[in-house]
Amino acid sequence: MICRGARVGYFQGDLLKIIEDVQKLQPTLFVAVPRIMNKLYDLISQGFGSLTGYRKRLVDMAVDTKLSNLRKSGAVTHFIYDKLVFNKCKNILGGKVRSLFTGGAPIADRVFSFIKICFC
């Protein structure tokens, strides 16, 4: 992969700054342990939870629709909601992530599904 232009990046060692590091690195492949995925889940959930009015309603509909589609057919994309809601989530990881991998410990299904609908 490196001979095709891939780069390897490491975080500063401070978990409080890992999101900042990832935004600077703008990875296309993101590999993390479930603890980091839980941190992403919490960050996005807090952002969504702070919304009010029509924005909250739009986000709730987007999350519900994509989770339902994921359960029914395995589909993680939605033409409208991806553009209106989830592209902003992708920018949390630098905006270029194409693949996410996790391992090393079990991950909660709700976290895994939520990460899928936000970043895939």
PDB file of N, CA and C in Angstrom:
ATOM      1  N   MET A   1       0.813  -1.187   0.000  1.00  0.00           N
ATOM      2  CA  MET A   1       0.000   0.000   0.000  1.00  0.00           C
ATOM      3  C   MET A   1       0.859   1.255   0.000  1.00  0.00           C
ATOM      4  N   ILE A   2       1.958   1.220   0.702  1.00  0.00           N
ATOM      5  CA  ILE A   2       2.795   2.407   0.787  1.00  0.00           C
ATOM      6  C   ILE A   2       3.370   2.758  -0.578  1.00  0.00           C
ATOM      7  N   CYS A   3       3.685   1.753  -1.397  1.00  0.00           N
ATOM      8  CA  CYS A   3       4.221   2.044  -2.725  1.00  0.00           C
ATOM      9  C   CYS A   3       3.167   2.677  -3.633  1.00  0.00           C
ATOM     10  N   ARG A   4       1.920   2.655  -3.235  1.00  0.00           N
ATOM     11  CA  ARG A   4       0.841   3.288  -4.000  1.00  0.00           C
ATOM     12  C   ARG A   4       0.425   4.634  -3.402  1.00  0.00           C
ATOM     13  N   GLY A   5       1.236   5.159  -2.511  1.00  0.00           N
ATOM     14  CA  GLY A   5       0.970   6.484  -1.971  1.00  0.00           C
ATOM     15  C   GLY A   5       0.331   6.509  -0.600  1.00  0.00           C
ATOM     16  N   ALA A   6       0.170   5.354   0.033  1.00  0.00           N
ATOM     17  CA  ALA A   6      -0.425   5.326   1.368  1.00  0.00           C
ATOM     18  C   ALA A   6       0.563   5.896   2.380  1.00  0.00           C
ATOM     19  N   ARG A   7       0.009   6.463   3.427  1.00  0.00           N
ATOM     20  CA  ARG A   7       0.822   6.998   4.512  1.00  0.00           C
ATOM     21  C   ARG A   7       0.410   6.318   5.807  1.00  0.00           C
ATOM     22  N   VAL A   8       1.325   6.255   6.739  1.00  0.00           N
ATOM     23  CA  VAL A   8       1.037   5.711   8.056  1.00  0.00           C
ATOM     24  C   VAL A   8       1.122   6.868   9.044  1.00  0.00           C
ATOM     25  N   GLY A   9       0.100   6.982   9.888  1.00  0.00           N
ATOM     26  CA  GLY A   9       0.093   8.060  10.874  1.00  0.00           C
ATOM     27  C   GLY A   9      -0.146   7.508  12.261  1.00  0.00           C
ATOM     28  N   TYR A  10       0.410   8.160  13.243  1.00  0.00           N
ATOM     29  CA  TYR A  10       0.253   7.759  14.632  1.00  0.00           C
ATOM     30  C   TYR A  10      -0.286   8.940  15.426  1.00  0.00           C
ATOM     31  N   PHE A  11      -1.081   8.642  16.434  1.00  0.00           N
ATOM     32  CA  PHE A  11      -1.605   9.729  17.254  1.00  0.00           C
ATOM     33  C   PHE A  11      -0.585  10.125  18.311  1.00  0.00           C
ATOM     34  N   GLN A  12      -0.801  11.288  18.926  1.00  0.00           N
ATOM     35  CA  GLN A  12       0.156  11.866  19.875  1.00  0.00           C
ATOM     36  C   GLN A  12       0.309  11.052  21.155  1.00  0.00           C
ATOM     37  N   GLY A  13      -0.589  10.117  21.395  1.00  0.00           N
ATOM     38  CA  GLY A  13      -0.552   9.330  22.618  1.00  0.00           C
ATOM     39  C   GLY A  13      -1.575   9.788  23.636  1.00  0.00           C
ATOM     40  N   ASP A  14      -2.220  10.907  23.364  1.00  0.00           N
ATOM     41  CA  ASP A  14      -3.237  11.451  24.260  1.00  0.00           C
ATOM     42  C   ASP A  14      -4.613  11.150  23.667  1.00  0.00           C
ATOM     43  N   LEU A  15      -5.377  10.278  24.330  1.00  0.00           N
ATOM     44  CA  LEU A  15      -6.694   9.905  23.805  1.00  0.00           C
ATOM     45  C   LEU A  15      -7.639  11.092  23.688  1.00  0.00           C
ATOM     46  N   LEU A  16      -7.409  12.125  24.468  1.00  0.00           N
ATOM     47  CA  LEU A  16      -8.263  13.308  24.380  1.00  0.00           C
ATOM     48  C   LEU A  16      -8.042  14.072  23.076  1.00  0.00           C
ATOM     49  N   LYS A  17      -6.891  13.846  22.431  1.00  0.00           N
ATOM     50  CA  LYS A  17      -6.568  14.561  21.192  1.00  0.00           C
ATOM     51  C   LYS A  17      -6.630  13.670  19.958  1.00  0.00           C
ATOM     52  N   ILE A  18      -7.129  12.455  20.104  1.00  0.00           N
ATOM     53  CA  ILE A  18      -7.092  11.524  18.971  1.00  0.00           C
ATOM     54  C   ILE A  18      -7.951  11.992  17.799  1.00  0.00           C
ATOM     55  N   ILE A  19      -9.095  12.594  18.071  1.00  0.00           N
ATOM     56  CA  ILE A  19      -9.954  13.081  16.991  1.00  0.00           C
ATOM     57  C   ILE A  19      -9.242  14.195  16.236  1.00  0.00           C
ATOM     58  N   GLU A  20      -8.583  15.071  16.955  1.00  0.00           N
ATOM     59  CA  GLU A  20      -7.800  16.150  16.341  1.00  0.00           C
ATOM     60  C   GLU A  20      -6.700  15.569  15.444  1.00  0.00           C
ATOM     61  N   ASP A  21      -6.023  14.535  15.922  1.00  0.00           N
ATOM     62  CA  ASP A  21      -4.968  13.887  15.141  1.00  0.00           C
ATOM     63  C   ASP A  21      -5.523  13.261  13.868  1.00  0.00           C
ATOM     64  N   VAL A  22      -6.646  12.584  13.984  1.00  0.00           N
ATOM     65  CA  VAL A  22      -7.252  11.921  12.824  1.00  0.00           C
ATOM     66  C   VAL A  22      -7.697  12.959  11.796  1.00  0.00           C
ATOM     67  N   GLN A  23      -8.235  14.075  12.242  1.00  0.00           N
ATOM     68  CA  GLN A  23      -8.657  15.126  11.314  1.00  0.00           C
ATOM     69  C   GLN A  23      -7.470  15.674  10.532  1.00  0.00           C
ATOM     70  N   LYS A  24      -6.329  15.788  11.173  1.00  0.00           N
ATOM     71  CA  LYS A  24      -5.122  16.272  10.487  1.00  0.00           C
ATOM     72  C   LYS A  24      -4.579  15.231   9.511  1.00  0.00           C
ATOM     73  N   LEU A  25      -4.624  13.957   9.899  1.00  0.00           N
ATOM     74  CA  LEU A  25      -4.092  12.885   9.052  1.00  0.00           C
ATOM     75  C   LEU A  25      -4.962  12.616   7.828  1.00  0.00           C
ATOM     76  N   GLN A  26      -6.263  12.798   7.939  1.00  0.00           N
ATOM     77  CA  GLN A  26      -7.236  12.519   6.875  1.00  0.00           C
ATOM     78  C   GLN A  26      -7.030  11.127   6.267  1.00  0.00           C
ATOM     79  N   PRO A  27      -7.162  10.078   7.080  1.00  0.00           N
ATOM     80  CA  PRO A  27      -6.908   8.725   6.572  1.00  0.00           C
ATOM     81  C   PRO A  27      -7.999   8.243   5.613  1.00  0.00           C
ATOM     82  N   THR A  28      -7.619   7.328   4.728  1.00  0.00           N
ATOM     83  CA  THR A  28      -8.610   6.651   3.889  1.00  0.00           C
ATOM     84  C   THR A  28      -8.939   5.286   4.487  1.00  0.00           C
ATOM     85  N   LEU A  29      -8.056   4.763   5.293  1.00  0.00           N
ATOM     86  CA  LEU A  29      -8.249   3.503   6.003  1.00  0.00           C
ATOM     87  C   LEU A  29      -8.065   3.793   7.489  1.00  0.00           C
ATOM     88  N   PHE A  30      -9.082   3.482   8.287  1.00  0.00           N
ATOM     89  CA  PHE A  30      -9.038   3.790   9.719  1.00  0.00           C
ATOM     90  C   PHE A  30      -9.200   2.500  10.501  1.00  0.00           C
ATOM     91  N   VAL A  31      -8.193   2.174  11.294  1.00  0.00           N
ATOM     92  CA  VAL A  31      -8.204   0.969  12.119  1.00  0.00           C
ATOM     93  C   VAL A  31      -8.116   1.409  13.577  1.00  0.00           C
ATOM     94  N   ALA A  32      -9.055   0.928  14.394  1.00  0.00           N
ATOM     95  CA  ALA A  32      -9.075   1.343  15.798  1.00  0.00           C
ATOM     96  C   ALA A  32      -9.678   0.252  16.669  1.00  0.00           C
ATOM     97  N   VAL A  33      -9.299   0.271  17.924  1.00  0.00           N
ATOM     98  CA  VAL A  33      -9.891  -0.647  18.897  1.00  0.00           C
ATOM     99  C   VAL A  33     -11.283  -0.130  19.266  1.00  0.00           C
ATOM    100  N   PRO A  34     -12.144  -0.996  19.808  1.00  0.00           N
ATOM    101  CA  PRO A  34     -13.503  -0.569  20.164  1.00  0.00           C
ATOM    102  C   PRO A  34     -13.560   0.643  21.095  1.00  0.00           C
ATOM    103  N   ARG A  35     -12.568   0.812  21.939  1.00  0.00           N
ATOM    104  CA  ARG A  35     -12.560   1.975  22.837  1.00  0.00           C
ATOM    105  C   ARG A  35     -12.602   3.285  22.036  1.00  0.00           C
ATOM    106  N   ILE A  36     -11.874   3.342  20.938  1.00  0.00           N
ATOM    107  CA  ILE A  36     -11.866   4.539  20.086  1.00  0.00           C
ATOM    108  C   ILE A  36     -13.204   4.662  19.360  1.00  0.00           C
ATOM    109  N   MET A  37     -13.752   3.539  18.902  1.00  0.00           N
ATOM    110  CA  MET A  37     -15.063   3.568  18.241  1.00  0.00           C
ATOM    111  C   MET A  37     -16.135   4.050  19.217  1.00  0.00           C
ATOM    112  N   ASN A  38     -16.033   3.638  20.481  1.00  0.00           N
ATOM    113  CA  ASN A  38     -16.974   4.122  21.498  1.00  0.00           C
ATOM    114  C   ASN A  38     -16.838   5.629  21.690  1.00  0.00           C
ATOM    115  N   LYS A  39     -15.617   6.127  21.630  1.00  0.00           N
ATOM    116  CA  LYS A  39     -15.382   7.569  21.756  1.00  0.00           C
ATOM    117  C   LYS A  39     -16.029   8.313  20.582  1.00  0.00           C
ATOM    118  N   LEU A  40     -15.886   7.771  19.380  1.00  0.00           N
ATOM    119  CA  LEU A  40     -16.539   8.366  18.203  1.00  0.00           C
ATOM    120  C   LEU A  40     -18.054   8.364  18.362  1.00  0.00           C
ATOM    121  N   TYR A  41     -18.579   7.231  18.795  1.00  0.00           N
ATOM    122  CA  TYR A  41     -20.019   7.095  19.021  1.00  0.00           C
ATOM    123  C   TYR A  41     -20.508   8.151  20.011  1.00  0.00           C
ATOM    124  N   ASP A  42     -19.796   8.302  21.123  1.00  0.00           N
ATOM    125  CA  ASP A  42     -20.182   9.285  22.138  1.00  0.00           C
ATOM    126  C   ASP A  42     -20.119  10.705  21.595  1.00  0.00           C
ATOM    127  N   LEU A  43     -19.070  11.010  20.846  1.00  0.00           N
ATOM    128  CA  LEU A  43     -18.901  12.347  20.280  1.00  0.00           C
ATOM    129  C   LEU A  43     -20.045  12.705  19.334  1.00  0.00           C
ATOM    130  N   ILE A  44     -20.375  11.786  18.442  1.00  0.00           N
ATOM    131  CA  ILE A  44     -21.440  12.042  17.470  1.00  0.00           C
ATOM    132  C   ILE A  44     -22.796  12.069  18.159  1.00  0.00           C
ATOM    133  N   SER A  45     -23.020  11.155  19.085  1.00  0.00           N
ATOM    134  CA  SER A  45     -24.292  11.131  19.816  1.00  0.00           C
ATOM    135  C   SER A  45     -24.515  12.423  20.589  1.00  0.00           C
ATOM    136  N   GLN A  46     -23.466  12.945  21.206  1.00  0.00           N
ATOM    137  CA  GLN A  46     -23.585  14.216  21.924  1.00  0.00           C
ATOM    138  C   GLN A  46     -23.924  15.349  20.968  1.00  0.00           C
ATOM    139  N   GLY A  47     -23.283  15.357  19.810  1.00  0.00           N
ATOM    140  CA  GLY A  47     -23.574  16.388  18.810  1.00  0.00           C
ATOM    141  C   GLY A  47     -25.006  16.310  18.331  1.00  0.00           C
ATOM    142  N   PHE A  48     -25.466  15.099  18.049  1.00  0.00           N
ATOM    143  CA  PHE A  48     -26.854  14.918  17.615  1.00  0.00           C
ATOM    144  C   PHE A  48     -27.820  15.268  18.743  1.00  0.00           C
ATOM    145  N   GLY A  49     -27.465  14.918  19.974  1.00  0.00           N
ATOM    146  CA  GLY A  49     -28.334  15.162  21.122  1.00  0.00           C
ATOM    147  C   GLY A  49     -28.513  16.630  21.449  1.00  0.00           C
ATOM    148  N   SER A  50     -27.558  17.457  21.038  1.00  0.00           N
ATOM    149  CA  SER A  50     -27.647  18.890  21.343  1.00  0.00           C
ATOM    150  C   SER A  50     -28.515  19.653  20.344  1.00  0.00           C
ATOM    151  N   LEU A  51     -28.942  18.984  19.280  1.00  0.00           N
ATOM    152  CA  LEU A  51     -29.778  19.646  18.273  1.00  0.00           C
ATOM    153  C   LEU A  51     -31.196  19.835  18.787  1.00  0.00           C
ATOM    154  N   THR A  52     -31.872  20.823  18.220  1.00  0.00           N
ATOM    155  CA  THR A  52     -33.272  21.076  18.571  1.00  0.00           C
ATOM    156  C   THR A  52     -34.071  21.337  17.302  1.00  0.00           C
ATOM    157  N   GLY A  53     -35.374  21.300  17.449  1.00  0.00           N
ATOM    158  CA  GLY A  53     -36.278  21.662  16.363  1.00  0.00           C
ATOM    159  C   GLY A  53     -36.195  20.751  15.156  1.00  0.00           C
ATOM    160  N   TYR A  54     -36.273  21.378  13.981  1.00  0.00           N
ATOM    161  CA  TYR A  54     -36.305  20.600  12.736  1.00  0.00           C
ATOM    162  C   TYR A  54     -34.995  19.852  12.492  1.00  0.00           C
ATOM    163  N   ARG A  55     -33.871  20.385  12.962  1.00  0.00           N
ATOM    164  CA  ARG A  55     -32.592  19.683  12.780  1.00  0.00           C
ATOM    165  C   ARG A  55     -32.573  18.372  13.557  1.00  0.00           C
ATOM    166  N   LYS A  56     -33.072  18.406  14.779  1.00  0.00           N
ATOM    167  CA  LYS A  56     -33.148  17.175  15.581  1.00  0.00           C
ATOM    168  C   LYS A  56     -34.068  16.166  14.907  1.00  0.00           C
ATOM    169  N   ARG A  57     -35.191  16.648  14.411  1.00  0.00           N
ATOM    170  CA  ARG A  57     -36.138  15.749  13.742  1.00  0.00           C
ATOM    171  C   ARG A  57     -35.522  15.117  12.497  1.00  0.00           C
ATOM    172  N   LEU A  58     -34.798  15.915  11.715  1.00  0.00           N
ATOM    173  CA  LEU A  58     -34.132  15.407  10.519  1.00  0.00           C
ATOM    174  C   LEU A  58     -33.092  14.350  10.883  1.00  0.00           C
ATOM    175  N   VAL A  59     -32.281  14.624  11.889  1.00  0.00           N
ATOM    176  CA  VAL A  59     -31.243  13.674  12.309  1.00  0.00           C
ATOM    177  C   VAL A  59     -31.873  12.396  12.845  1.00  0.00           C
ATOM    178  N   ASP A  60     -32.915  12.528  13.655  1.00  0.00           N
ATOM    179  CA  ASP A  60     -33.602  11.341  14.181  1.00  0.00           C
ATOM    180  C   ASP A  60     -34.165  10.486  13.052  1.00  0.00           C
ATOM    181  N   MET A  61     -34.782  11.130  12.062  1.00  0.00           N
ATOM    182  CA  MET A  61     -35.326  10.391  10.913  1.00  0.00           C
ATOM    183  C   MET A  61     -34.201   9.728  10.126  1.00  0.00           C
ATOM    184  N   ALA A  62     -33.093  10.434   9.944  1.00  0.00           N
ATOM    185  CA  ALA A  62     -31.962   9.890   9.192  1.00  0.00           C
ATOM    186  C   ALA A  62     -31.378   8.668   9.890  1.00  0.00           C
ATOM    187  N   VAL A  63     -31.148   8.774  11.180  1.00  0.00           N
ATOM    188  CA  VAL A  63     -30.577   7.651  11.942  1.00  0.00           C
ATOM    189  C   VAL A  63     -31.539   6.468  11.942  1.00  0.00           C
ATOM    190  N   ASP A  64     -32.812   6.721  12.212  1.00  0.00           N
ATOM    191  CA  ASP A  64     -33.805   5.636  12.237  1.00  0.00           C
ATOM    192  C   ASP A  64     -33.912   4.943  10.885  1.00  0.00           C
ATOM    193  N   THR A  65     -33.955   5.731   9.811  1.00  0.00           N
ATOM    194  CA  THR A  65     -34.082   5.160   8.466  1.00  0.00           C
ATOM    195  C   THR A  65     -32.866   4.320   8.110  1.00  0.00           C
ATOM    196  N   LYS A  66     -31.670   4.856   8.350  1.00  0.00           N
ATOM    197  CA  LYS A  66     -30.468   4.110   7.981  1.00  0.00           C
ATOM    198  C   LYS A  66     -30.280   2.859   8.840  1.00  0.00           C
ATOM    199  N   LEU A  67     -30.607   2.940  10.126  1.00  0.00           N
ATOM    200  CA  LEU A  67     -30.520   1.740  10.970  1.00  0.00           C
ATOM    201  C   LEU A  67     -31.520   0.682  10.518  1.00  0.00           C
ATOM    202  N   SER A  68     -32.715   1.112  10.156  1.00  0.00           N
ATOM    203  CA  SER A  68     -33.731   0.187   9.663  1.00  0.00           C
ATOM    204  C   SER A  68     -33.278  -0.471   8.361  1.00  0.00           C
ATOM    205  N   ASN A  69     -32.732   0.324   7.442  1.00  0.00           N
ATOM    206  CA  ASN A  69     -32.229  -0.219   6.176  1.00  0.00           C
ATOM    207  C   ASN A  69     -31.076  -1.194   6.410  1.00  0.00           C
ATOM    208  N   LEU A  70     -30.221  -0.880   7.373  1.00  0.00           N
ATOM    209  CA  LEU A  70     -29.097  -1.762   7.695  1.00  0.00           C
ATOM    210  C   LEU A  70     -29.598  -3.109   8.195  1.00  0.00           C
ATOM    211  N   ARG A  71     -30.594  -3.085   9.071  1.00  0.00           N
ATOM    212  CA  ARG A  71     -31.154  -4.337   9.610  1.00  0.00           C
ATOM    213  C   ARG A  71     -31.871  -5.153   8.538  1.00  0.00           C
ATOM    214  N   LYS A  72     -32.640  -4.473   7.685  1.00  0.00           N
ATOM    215  CA  LYS A  72     -33.455  -5.176   6.687  1.00  0.00           C
ATOM    216  C   LYS A  72     -32.637  -5.713   5.520  1.00  0.00           C
ATOM    217  N   SER A  73     -31.775  -4.871   4.949  1.00  0.00           N
ATOM    218  CA  SER A  73     -31.103  -5.264   3.713  1.00  0.00           C
ATOM    219  C   SER A  73     -29.583  -5.167   3.766  1.00  0.00           C
ATOM    220  N   GLY A  74     -29.052  -4.631   4.845  1.00  0.00           N
ATOM    221  CA  GLY A  74     -27.610  -4.448   4.926  1.00  0.00           C
ATOM    222  C   GLY A  74     -27.127  -3.168   4.258  1.00  0.00           C
ATOM    223  N   ALA A  75     -28.057  -2.390   3.705  1.00  0.00           N
ATOM    224  CA  ALA A  75     -27.694  -1.140   3.026  1.00  0.00           C
ATOM    225  C   ALA A  75     -27.301  -0.086   4.050  1.00  0.00           C
ATOM    226  N   VAL A  76     -26.185   0.588   3.798  1.00  0.00           N
ATOM    227  CA  VAL A  76     -25.733   1.618   4.729  1.00  0.00           C
ATOM    228  C   VAL A  76     -25.747   3.016   4.110  1.00  0.00           C
ATOM    229  N   THR A  77     -26.125   3.110   2.851  1.00  0.00           N
ATOM    230  CA  THR A  77     -26.156   4.420   2.203  1.00  0.00           C
ATOM    231  C   THR A  77     -27.588   4.874   1.976  1.00  0.00           C
ATOM    232  N   HIS A  78     -27.760   6.173   1.975  1.00  0.00           N
ATOM    233  CA  HIS A  78     -29.053   6.786   1.675  1.00  0.00           C
ATOM    234  C   HIS A  78     -28.754   8.098   0.968  1.00  0.00           C
ATOM    235  N   PHE A  79     -29.239   8.253  -0.241  1.00  0.00           N
ATOM    236  CA  PHE A  79     -28.902   9.394  -1.090  1.00  0.00           C
ATOM    237  C   PHE A  79     -29.115  10.730  -0.390  1.00  0.00           C
ATOM    238  N   ILE A  80     -30.243  10.922   0.224  1.00  0.00           N
ATOM    239  CA  ILE A  80     -30.574  12.221   0.823  1.00  0.00           C
ATOM    240  C   ILE A  80     -29.890  12.399   2.180  1.00  0.00           C
ATOM    241  N   TYR A  81     -30.058  11.437   3.068  1.00  0.00           N
ATOM    242  CA  TYR A  81     -29.536  11.590   4.424  1.00  0.00           C
ATOM    243  C   TYR A  81     -28.011  11.623   4.469  1.00  0.00           C
ATOM    244  N   ASP A  82     -27.350  10.915   3.565  1.00  0.00           N
ATOM    245  CA  ASP A  82     -25.890  10.966   3.537  1.00  0.00           C
ATOM    246  C   ASP A  82     -25.410  12.383   3.237  1.00  0.00           C
ATOM    247  N   LYS A  83     -26.062  13.047   2.315  1.00  0.00           N
ATOM    248  CA  LYS A  83     -25.663  14.417   1.951  1.00  0.00           C
ATOM    249  C   LYS A  83     -26.033  15.429   3.029  1.00  0.00           C
ATOM    250  N   LEU A  84     -27.226  15.287   3.607  1.00  0.00           N
ATOM    251  CA  LEU A  84     -27.712  16.274   4.570  1.00  0.00           C
ATOM    252  C   LEU A  84     -27.137  16.112   5.976  1.00  0.00           C
ATOM    253  N   VAL A  85     -26.911  14.880   6.396  1.00  0.00           N
ATOM    254  CA  VAL A  85     -26.545  14.627   7.794  1.00  0.00           C
ATOM    255  C   VAL A  85     -25.169  13.988   7.939  1.00  0.00           C
ATOM    256  N   PHE A  86     -24.939  12.893   7.254  1.00  0.00           N
ATOM    257  CA  PHE A  86     -23.793  12.053   7.575  1.00  0.00           C
ATOM    258  C   PHE A  86     -22.471  12.503   6.962  1.00  0.00           C
ATOM    259  N   ASN A  87     -22.485  13.377   5.954  1.00  0.00           N
ATOM    260  CA  ASN A  87     -21.218  13.915   5.453  1.00  0.00           C
ATOM    261  C   ASN A  87     -20.512  14.724   6.533  1.00  0.00           C
ATOM    262  N   LYS A  88     -21.286  15.357   7.403  1.00  0.00           N
ATOM    263  CA  LYS A  88     -20.702  16.109   8.516  1.00  0.00           C
ATOM    264  C   LYS A  88     -20.007  15.158   9.496  1.00  0.00           C
ATOM    265  N   CYS A  89     -20.572  13.974   9.665  1.00  0.00           N
ATOM    266  CA  CYS A  89     -19.931  12.968  10.529  1.00  0.00           C
ATOM    267  C   CYS A  89     -18.599  12.531   9.932  1.00  0.00           C
ATOM    268  N   LYS A  90     -18.581  12.339   8.627  1.00  0.00           N
ATOM    269  CA  LYS A  90     -17.362  11.881   7.963  1.00  0.00           C
ATOM    270  C   LYS A  90     -16.218  12.870   8.153  1.00  0.00           C
ATOM    271  N   ASN A  91     -16.543  14.143   8.268  1.00  0.00           N
ATOM    272  CA  ASN A  91     -15.508  15.158   8.473  1.00  0.00           C
ATOM    273  C   ASN A  91     -14.825  15.030   9.829  1.00  0.00           C
ATOM    274  N   ILE A  92     -15.462  14.359  10.774  1.00  0.00           N
ATOM    275  CA  ILE A  92     -14.840  14.126  12.084  1.00  0.00           C
ATOM    276  C   ILE A  92     -13.566  13.304  11.920  1.00  0.00           C
ATOM    277  N   LEU A  93     -13.562  12.396  10.940  1.00  0.00           N
ATOM    278  CA  LEU A  93     -12.377  11.572  10.676  1.00  0.00           C
ATOM    279  C   LEU A  93     -11.569  12.094   9.491  1.00  0.00           C
ATOM    280  N   GLY A  94     -11.722  13.357   9.172  1.00  0.00           N
ATOM    281  CA  GLY A  94     -10.936  13.953   8.103  1.00  0.00           C
ATOM    282  C   GLY A  94     -11.612  13.964   6.749  1.00  0.00           C
ATOM    283  N   GLY A  95     -12.752  13.307   6.616  1.00  0.00           N
ATOM    284  CA  GLY A  95     -13.529  13.360   5.388  1.00  0.00           C
ATOM    285  C   GLY A  95     -13.132  12.415   4.276  1.00  0.00           C
ATOM    286  N   LYS A  96     -12.090  11.622   4.461  1.00  0.00           N
ATOM    287  CA  LYS A  96     -11.616  10.757   3.372  1.00  0.00           C
ATOM    288  C   LYS A  96     -11.696   9.262   3.671  1.00  0.00           C
ATOM    289  N   VAL A  97     -12.215   8.891   4.830  1.00  0.00           N
ATOM    290  CA  VAL A  97     -12.252   7.476   5.223  1.00  0.00           C
ATOM    291  C   VAL A  97     -13.125   6.677   4.260  1.00  0.00           C
ATOM    292  N   ARG A  98     -12.568   5.589   3.740  1.00  0.00           N
ATOM    293  CA  ARG A  98     -13.300   4.685   2.849  1.00  0.00           C
ATOM    294  C   ARG A  98     -13.566   3.341   3.520  1.00  0.00           C
ATOM    295  N   SER A  99     -12.699   2.970   4.472  1.00  0.00           N
ATOM    296  CA  SER A  99     -12.852   1.697   5.180  1.00  0.00           C
ATOM    297  C   SER A  99     -12.504   1.885   6.647  1.00  0.00           C
ATOM    298  N   LEU A 100     -13.315   1.258   7.493  1.00  0.00           N
ATOM    299  CA  LEU A 100     -13.082   1.263   8.940  1.00  0.00           C
ATOM    300  C   LEU A 100     -12.952  -0.176   9.405  1.00  0.00           C
ATOM    301  N   PHE A 101     -11.997  -0.417  10.282  1.00  0.00           N
ATOM    302  CA  PHE A 101     -11.816  -1.743  10.860  1.00  0.00           C
ATOM    303  C   PHE A 101     -11.660  -1.602  12.364  1.00  0.00           C
ATOM    304  N   THR A 102     -12.191  -2.570  13.077  1.00  0.00           N
ATOM    305  CA  THR A 102     -12.024  -2.590  14.524  1.00  0.00           C
ATOM    306  C   THR A 102     -11.753  -4.018  14.970  1.00  0.00           C
ATOM    307  N   GLY A 103     -11.084  -4.153  16.075  1.00  0.00           N
ATOM    308  CA  GLY A 103     -10.783  -5.481  16.595  1.00  0.00           C
ATOM    309  C   GLY A 103     -10.049  -5.369  17.910  1.00  0.00           C
ATOM    310  N   GLY A 104      -9.716  -6.503  18.463  1.00  0.00           N
ATOM    311  CA  GLY A 104      -8.973  -6.532  19.711  1.00  0.00           C
ATOM    312  C   GLY A 104      -9.846  -6.716  20.934  1.00  0.00           C
ATOM    313  N   ALA A 105     -11.140  -6.455  20.780  1.00  0.00           N
ATOM    314  CA  ALA A 105     -12.095  -6.610  21.880  1.00  0.00           C
ATOM    315  C   ALA A 105     -13.494  -6.584  21.278  1.00  0.00           C
ATOM    316  N   PRO A 106     -14.481  -7.055  22.013  1.00  0.00           N
ATOM    317  CA  PRO A 106     -15.855  -6.997  21.502  1.00  0.00           C
ATOM    318  C   PRO A 106     -16.331  -5.546  21.409  1.00  0.00           C
ATOM    319  N   ILE A 107     -17.222  -5.303  20.475  1.00  0.00           N
ATOM    320  CA  ILE A 107     -17.820  -3.979  20.329  1.00  0.00           C
ATOM    321  C   ILE A 107     -19.336  -4.139  20.395  1.00  0.00           C
ATOM    322  N   ALA A 108     -19.992  -3.235  21.081  1.00  0.00           N
ATOM    323  CA  ALA A 108     -21.451  -3.297  21.213  1.00  0.00           C
ATOM    324  C   ALA A 108     -22.106  -3.157  19.844  1.00  0.00           C
ATOM    325  N   ASP A 109     -23.163  -3.924  19.618  1.00  0.00           N
ATOM    326  CA  ASP A 109     -23.850  -3.900  18.330  1.00  0.00           C
ATOM    327  C   ASP A 109     -24.380  -2.513  17.992  1.00  0.00           C
ATOM    328  N   ARG A 110     -24.923  -1.797  18.987  1.00  0.00           N
ATOM    329  CA  ARG A 110     -25.472  -0.464  18.715  1.00  0.00           C
ATOM    330  C   ARG A 110     -24.370   0.493  18.265  1.00  0.00           C
ATOM    331  N   VAL A 111     -23.175   0.368  18.842  1.00  0.00           N
ATOM    332  CA  VAL A 111     -22.046   1.218  18.456  1.00  0.00           C
ATOM    333  C   VAL A 111     -21.585   0.853  17.051  1.00  0.00           C
ATOM    334  N   PHE A 112     -21.440  -0.440  16.786  1.00  0.00           N
ATOM    335  CA  PHE A 112     -20.983  -0.910  15.480  1.00  0.00           C
ATOM    336  C   PHE A 112     -21.949  -0.488  14.375  1.00  0.00           C
ATOM    337  N   SER A 113     -23.237  -0.660  14.605  1.00  0.00           N
ATOM    338  CA  SER A 113     -24.243  -0.273  13.608  1.00  0.00           C
ATOM    339  C   SER A 113     -24.246   1.233  13.390  1.00  0.00           C
ATOM    340  N   PHE A 114     -24.144   1.994  14.464  1.00  0.00           N
ATOM    341  CA  PHE A 114     -24.144   3.451  14.361  1.00  0.00           C
ATOM    342  C   PHE A 114     -22.924   3.945  13.583  1.00  0.00           C
ATOM    343  N   ILE A 115     -21.755   3.370  13.871  1.00  0.00           N
ATOM    344  CA  ILE A 115     -20.536   3.746  13.150  1.00  0.00           C
ATOM    345  C   ILE A 115     -20.686   3.412  11.669  1.00  0.00           C
ATOM    346  N   LYS A 116     -21.279   2.271  11.366  1.00  0.00           N
ATOM    347  CA  LYS A 116     -21.507   1.885   9.971  1.00  0.00           C
ATOM    348  C   LYS A 116     -22.353   2.914   9.236  1.00  0.00           C
ATOM    349  N   ILE A 117     -23.473   3.315   9.836  1.00  0.00           N
ATOM    350  CA  ILE A 117     -24.359   4.242   9.122  1.00  0.00           C
ATOM    351  C   ILE A 117     -23.765   5.644   9.026  1.00  0.00           C
ATOM    352  N   CYS A 118     -22.886   5.993   9.944  1.00  0.00           N
ATOM    353  CA  CYS A 118     -22.279   7.327   9.908  1.00  0.00           C
ATOM    354  C   CYS A 118     -21.133   7.432   8.912  1.00  0.00           C
ATOM    355  N   PHE A 119     -20.315   6.398   8.798  1.00  0.00           N
ATOM    356  CA  PHE A 119     -19.074   6.516   8.041  1.00  0.00           C
ATOM    357  C   PHE A 119     -18.995   5.679   6.771  1.00  0.00           C
ATOM    358  N   CYS A 120     -19.910   4.757   6.568  1.00  0.00           N
ATOM    359  CA  CYS A 120     -19.842   3.907   5.370  1.00  0.00           C
ATOM    360  C   CYS A 120     -20.766   4.416   4.280  1.00  0.00           C
TER     361      CYS A 120
END
